[in-house]
Amino acid sequence: MVAKTTTQHSTSHLLRRTLQANGIFSSLSGVILIDGASPITAFFGLKMPIVLIVVGIVTLLYAVSLFLTAARPSIDHRSGMMYALLDSAWVIASLVILVTGWVPLTTEGKWAVGLVAVIVAIFAELQFLGSRRTS
C-alpha cells in the first residue's frame, strides 16, 4: 500500500509563476534604470542619475531573490506574503511620492511612476492570492 503524503509547504502554481514574472519585470526594470540612468533622470525631472542607478541595483537584487524563491521545490506561505508586502510597500511609497510632491517629477515622470505602481500592485495581489493557496 502506497501512502500519499503532502509536504507542509505545498506550492501554489499561481505563486510560483507570479514570482517568476515579477523577477523578469524586476530584472528588466533594474537593467533599464542602470543602463538608461541619464536619459531617465532627465525624463523624470531629477537632478542626479545615481539615484536611479542605486534603485536599479536594488531592483536587480530583488529580482535575484524572487528567482531563487521561485526555484525552490516548495514555496511556503510566509515567503509569498513577504513579497506581497514588499511590493505593497513599493506601491505605497510610489503613491506618497505622487501625492506629496516630495520628489519633484515631470508630468511624464509621474505617469511612469504611476504605471509601474499599478504593475507592482498587480504582482502584490497575485502573490497574496498565490500565498493563500499554499497550505
Protein backbone atom coordinates (compact mmCIF):
# COMPACT_ATOMS: atom_id res chain seq x y z
CA MET A 1 0.00 0.00 0.00
CA VAL A 2 1.38 3.36 -1.01
CA ALA A 3 0.52 6.29 1.17
CA LYS A 4 0.35 9.67 -0.48
CA THR A 5 1.92 12.35 1.68
CA THR A 6 1.92 16.08 1.26
CA THR A 7 4.54 18.48 2.39
CA GLN A 8 3.80 21.18 4.88
CA HIS A 9 4.56 23.81 2.25
CA SER A 10 2.60 22.88 -0.84
CA THR A 11 3.28 25.40 -3.56
CA SER A 12 0.66 27.26 -5.50
CA HIS A 13 1.28 27.30 -9.24
CA LEU A 14 -0.03 30.89 -9.23
CA LEU A 15 2.54 31.94 -6.63
CA ARG A 16 5.48 30.34 -8.45
CA ARG A 17 4.52 31.85 -11.83
CA THR A 18 3.88 35.27 -10.30
CA LEU A 19 7.28 35.27 -8.57
CA GLN A 20 8.91 34.33 -11.88
CA ALA A 21 7.04 37.04 -13.80
CA ASN A 22 7.87 39.58 -11.10
CA GLY A 23 11.51 38.51 -11.34
CA ILE A 24 11.50 39.12 -15.09
CA PHE A 25 9.83 42.52 -14.71
CA SER A 26 12.20 43.49 -11.89
CA SER A 27 15.25 42.36 -13.88
CA LEU A 28 14.22 44.38 -16.92
CA SER A 29 13.40 47.39 -14.76
CA GLY A 30 16.74 47.22 -12.96
CA VAL A 31 18.73 46.96 -16.19
CA ILE A 32 16.77 49.81 -17.78
CA LEU A 33 17.29 52.04 -14.73
CA ILE A 34 21.02 51.36 -14.63
CA ASP A 35 21.68 51.48 -18.37
CA GLY A 36 19.42 54.47 -19.04
CA ALA A 37 20.02 56.39 -15.82
CA SER A 38 20.99 59.66 -17.52
CA PRO A 39 18.11 59.96 -20.02
CA ILE A 40 15.59 58.63 -17.49
CA THR A 41 16.81 61.19 -14.94
CA ALA A 42 16.02 63.96 -17.43
CA PHE A 43 12.66 62.35 -18.34
CA PHE A 44 11.67 62.23 -14.66
CA GLY A 45 12.96 65.73 -13.97
CA LEU A 46 15.51 64.55 -11.44
CA LYS A 47 18.96 66.00 -10.93
CA MET A 48 21.28 63.05 -10.21
CA PRO A 49 21.33 59.74 -12.11
CA ILE A 50 23.00 57.99 -9.16
CA VAL A 51 19.57 57.70 -7.50
CA LEU A 52 18.25 55.65 -10.42
CA ILE A 53 21.42 53.56 -10.53
CA VAL A 54 21.00 52.67 -6.85
CA VAL A 55 17.30 51.88 -7.34
CA GLY A 56 18.25 49.74 -10.36
CA ILE A 57 20.83 47.77 -8.36
CA VAL A 58 18.37 47.18 -5.51
CA THR A 59 15.73 46.13 -8.05
CA LEU A 60 18.14 43.62 -9.61
CA LEU A 61 18.95 42.17 -6.18
CA TYR A 62 15.21 41.88 -5.53
CA ALA A 63 14.83 40.05 -8.86
CA VAL A 64 17.54 37.55 -7.87
CA SER A 65 15.69 36.91 -4.61
CA LEU A 66 12.42 36.38 -6.49
CA PHE A 67 14.05 33.89 -8.88
CA LEU A 68 15.74 31.98 -6.05
CA THR A 69 12.46 31.69 -4.17
CA ALA A 70 10.54 30.64 -7.28
CA ALA A 71 13.15 27.93 -7.97
CA ARG A 72 12.59 26.21 -4.62
CA PRO A 73 10.80 22.87 -4.80
CA SER A 74 8.30 24.22 -2.30
CA ILE A 75 7.44 27.84 -1.52
CA ASP A 76 5.93 28.49 1.87
CA HIS A 77 3.07 30.86 2.65
CA ARG A 78 5.33 33.31 4.52
CA SER A 79 7.68 33.80 1.57
CA GLY A 80 4.81 34.65 -0.74
CA MET A 81 3.33 37.03 1.81
CA MET A 82 6.72 38.70 2.30
CA TYR A 83 6.94 39.50 -1.42
CA ALA A 84 3.33 40.69 -1.46
CA LEU A 85 4.12 43.05 1.44
CA LEU A 86 7.37 44.29 -0.12
CA ASP A 87 5.59 45.05 -3.38
CA SER A 88 2.78 46.74 -1.45
CA ALA A 89 5.38 48.92 0.28
CA TRP A 90 6.72 49.93 -3.16
CA VAL A 91 3.19 50.91 -4.24
CA ILE A 92 2.61 52.93 -1.07
CA ALA A 93 5.96 54.71 -1.47
CA SER A 94 5.06 55.49 -5.09
CA LEU A 95 1.72 56.94 -4.01
CA VAL A 96 3.41 59.06 -1.34
CA ILE A 97 5.82 60.42 -3.96
CA LEU A 98 2.95 61.19 -6.34
CA VAL A 99 0.57 62.71 -3.79
CA THR A 100 3.00 64.75 -1.71
CA GLY A 101 5.24 66.07 -4.47
CA TRP A 102 8.15 65.20 -2.17
CA VAL A 103 10.11 64.29 -5.29
CA PRO A 104 9.55 66.91 -7.98
CA LEU A 105 8.72 64.89 -11.09
CA THR A 106 7.76 65.92 -14.59
CA THR A 107 4.25 65.05 -15.73
CA GLU A 108 5.71 62.19 -17.75
CA GLY A 109 7.70 61.03 -14.71
CA LYS A 110 4.52 60.99 -12.62
CA TRP A 111 2.79 58.86 -15.24
CA ALA A 112 5.74 56.45 -15.33
CA VAL A 113 5.81 56.12 -11.54
CA GLY A 114 2.05 55.56 -11.53
CA LEU A 115 2.20 52.93 -14.27
CA VAL A 116 4.95 50.99 -12.51
CA ALA A 117 2.98 51.21 -9.24
CA VAL A 118 -0.06 49.66 -10.96
CA ILE A 119 2.06 46.80 -12.34
CA VAL A 120 3.68 46.20 -8.94
CA ALA A 121 0.25 46.30 -7.27
CA ILE A 122 -0.91 43.54 -9.62
CA PHE A 123 2.11 41.44 -8.65
CA ALA A 124 1.40 42.11 -4.96
CA GLU A 125 -2.21 40.98 -5.32
CA LEU A 126 -1.30 37.84 -7.28
CA GLN A 127 1.42 36.94 -4.74
CA PHE A 128 -1.10 37.42 -1.94
CA LEU A 129 -3.62 35.18 -3.70
CA GLY A 130 -0.95 32.59 -4.51
CA SER A 131 0.22 32.60 -0.89
CA ARG A 132 -3.30 31.95 0.33
CA ARG A 133 -3.44 28.88 -1.91
CA THR A 134 -0.41 27.31 -0.25
CA SER A 135 -1.01 25.02 2.66
